[in-house]
């Protein structure tokens, strides 16, 4: 399972990079922060996946912490986007859906990492 978690962390990082690019497109190419954050944090998670696969034990608590923070951040941002959408601005639907997907993916990975965490 140890090596499988490394592969999942790498795939999650790739997912974050893709979501950052998609977020940039969905905002009409006005959100450079989605590219920066997706690229930066996605790349960081891909590195964590490689290091975890190599047996670096510190990567699991670090990855768990990061995915938990990402889950909270994506939840907060999704709620804001859904609130804006429900108040009549339907231009935010795409971003709201993307952030909701990111919330569930991040939360699922955080729970998996927590389940396999060994102190």
Protein backbone atom coordinates (compact mmCIF):
# COMPACT_ATOMS: atom_id res chain seq x y z
CA UNK A 1 0.00 0.00 0.00
CA UNK A 2 2.94 2.29 0.68
CA UNK A 3 3.96 2.53 -2.98
CA UNK A 4 0.33 2.79 -4.07
CA UNK A 5 -0.09 5.87 -1.86
CA UNK A 6 2.91 7.43 -3.62
CA UNK A 7 1.25 6.85 -6.99
CA UNK A 8 -2.02 8.34 -5.68
CA UNK A 9 -0.19 11.42 -4.39
CA UNK A 10 1.48 11.87 -7.76
CA UNK A 11 -1.86 11.47 -9.56
CA UNK A 12 -3.47 13.96 -7.15
CA UNK A 13 -0.73 16.47 -7.95
CA UNK A 14 -1.38 16.02 -11.64
CA UNK A 15 -5.10 16.47 -10.94
CA UNK A 16 -4.37 19.79 -9.18
CA UNK A 17 -2.28 21.02 -12.11
CA UNK A 18 -5.08 20.14 -14.55
CA UNK A 19 -7.70 21.77 -12.32
CA UNK A 20 -5.61 24.94 -12.15
CA UNK A 21 -5.47 25.08 -15.94
CA UNK A 22 -9.19 24.36 -16.22
CA UNK A 23 -9.96 27.03 -13.63
CA UNK A 24 -7.94 29.52 -15.64
CA UNK A 25 -9.97 28.68 -18.75
CA UNK A 26 -13.31 28.75 -16.91
CA UNK A 27 -12.64 32.22 -15.54
CA UNK A 28 -12.06 33.57 -19.03
CA UNK A 29 -8.30 33.55 -18.48
CA UNK A 30 -8.54 36.17 -15.73
CA UNK A 31 -7.41 34.04 -12.78
CA UNK A 32 -3.66 33.71 -13.02
CA UNK A 33 -3.70 32.52 -9.41
CA UNK A 34 -5.42 29.29 -10.45
CA UNK A 35 -2.52 28.56 -12.81
CA UNK A 36 0.07 29.51 -10.21
CA UNK A 37 -1.56 27.64 -7.31
CA UNK A 38 -2.49 24.60 -9.37
CA UNK A 39 0.96 24.41 -10.89
CA UNK A 40 2.86 25.08 -7.69
CA UNK A 41 0.89 22.92 -5.28
CA UNK A 42 0.23 20.24 -7.88
CA UNK A 43 3.95 19.98 -8.58
CA UNK A 44 4.66 19.86 -4.85
CA UNK A 45 2.23 16.96 -4.42
CA UNK A 46 3.79 15.13 -7.39
CA UNK A 47 7.21 15.47 -5.71
CA UNK A 48 5.68 14.24 -2.44
CA UNK A 49 4.32 11.22 -4.32
CA UNK A 50 7.74 10.37 -5.73
CA UNK A 51 9.40 10.80 -2.33
CA UNK A 52 6.69 8.75 -0.62
CA UNK A 53 7.15 5.97 -3.14
CA UNK A 54 10.89 6.02 -2.34
CA UNK A 55 10.07 5.36 1.31
CA UNK A 56 10.49 8.80 2.87
CA UNK A 57 8.20 8.40 5.89
CA UNK A 58 7.84 12.14 6.60
CA UNK A 59 5.93 12.58 3.35
CA UNK A 60 2.76 10.92 4.65
CA UNK A 61 2.05 13.37 7.51
CA UNK A 62 3.13 16.27 5.28
CA UNK A 63 0.82 15.11 2.48
CA UNK A 64 -2.02 14.50 4.92
CA UNK A 65 -1.65 18.03 6.28
CA UNK A 66 -1.55 19.54 2.81
CA UNK A 67 -4.58 17.65 1.52
CA UNK A 68 -6.54 18.54 4.66
CA UNK A 69 -5.75 22.23 4.15
CA UNK A 70 -6.64 21.95 0.46
CA UNK A 71 -9.96 20.30 1.40
CA UNK A 72 -10.84 23.15 3.73
CA UNK A 73 -9.76 25.78 1.19
CA UNK A 74 -11.69 24.21 -1.68
CA UNK A 75 -14.77 23.81 0.53
CA UNK A 76 -14.66 27.47 1.53
CA UNK A 77 -14.16 28.65 -2.05
CA UNK A 78 -16.87 26.31 -3.40
CA UNK A 79 -19.39 27.62 -0.86
CA UNK A 80 -18.63 31.19 -1.95
CA UNK A 81 -19.03 30.28 -5.64
CA UNK A 82 -22.29 28.38 -5.03
CA UNK A 83 -23.62 31.29 -2.94
CA UNK A 84 -22.84 33.71 -5.79
CA UNK A 85 -24.48 31.34 -8.28
CA UNK A 86 -27.61 30.91 -6.16
CA UNK A 87 -27.90 34.70 -5.93
CA UNK A 88 -28.29 34.91 -9.69
CA UNK A 89 -24.78 35.08 -11.15
CA UNK A 90 -24.77 31.89 -13.20
CA UNK A 91 -21.33 32.66 -14.65
CA UNK A 92 -19.85 31.03 -11.53
CA UNK A 93 -21.45 27.60 -12.01
CA UNK A 94 -18.42 26.08 -13.76
CA UNK A 95 -16.00 27.20 -11.07
CA UNK A 96 -18.42 26.07 -8.34
CA UNK A 97 -18.63 22.59 -9.88
CA UNK A 98 -14.85 22.40 -10.33
CA UNK A 99 -14.22 23.44 -6.72
CA UNK A 100 -16.79 20.92 -5.49
CA UNK A 101 -15.02 18.13 -7.40
CA UNK A 102 -11.69 19.31 -5.99
CA UNK A 103 -13.17 19.29 -2.48
CA UNK A 104 -14.35 15.69 -2.78
CA UNK A 105 -11.09 14.50 -4.36
CA UNK A 106 -8.99 16.22 -1.70
CA UNK A 107 -11.19 15.04 1.16
CA UNK A 108 -11.16 11.47 -0.11
CA UNK A 109 -7.38 11.45 -0.35
CA UNK A 110 -7.02 13.06 3.09
CA UNK A 111 -9.22 10.33 4.61
CA UNK A 112 -7.25 7.61 2.83
CA UNK A 113 -3.95 9.07 4.08
CA UNK A 114 -5.36 9.34 7.60
CA UNK A 115 -6.56 5.73 7.52
CA UNK A 116 -3.07 4.51 6.56
CA UNK A 117 -1.14 6.86 8.82
CA UNK A 118 1.23 5.14 11.22
CA UNK A 119 2.96 7.20 13.92
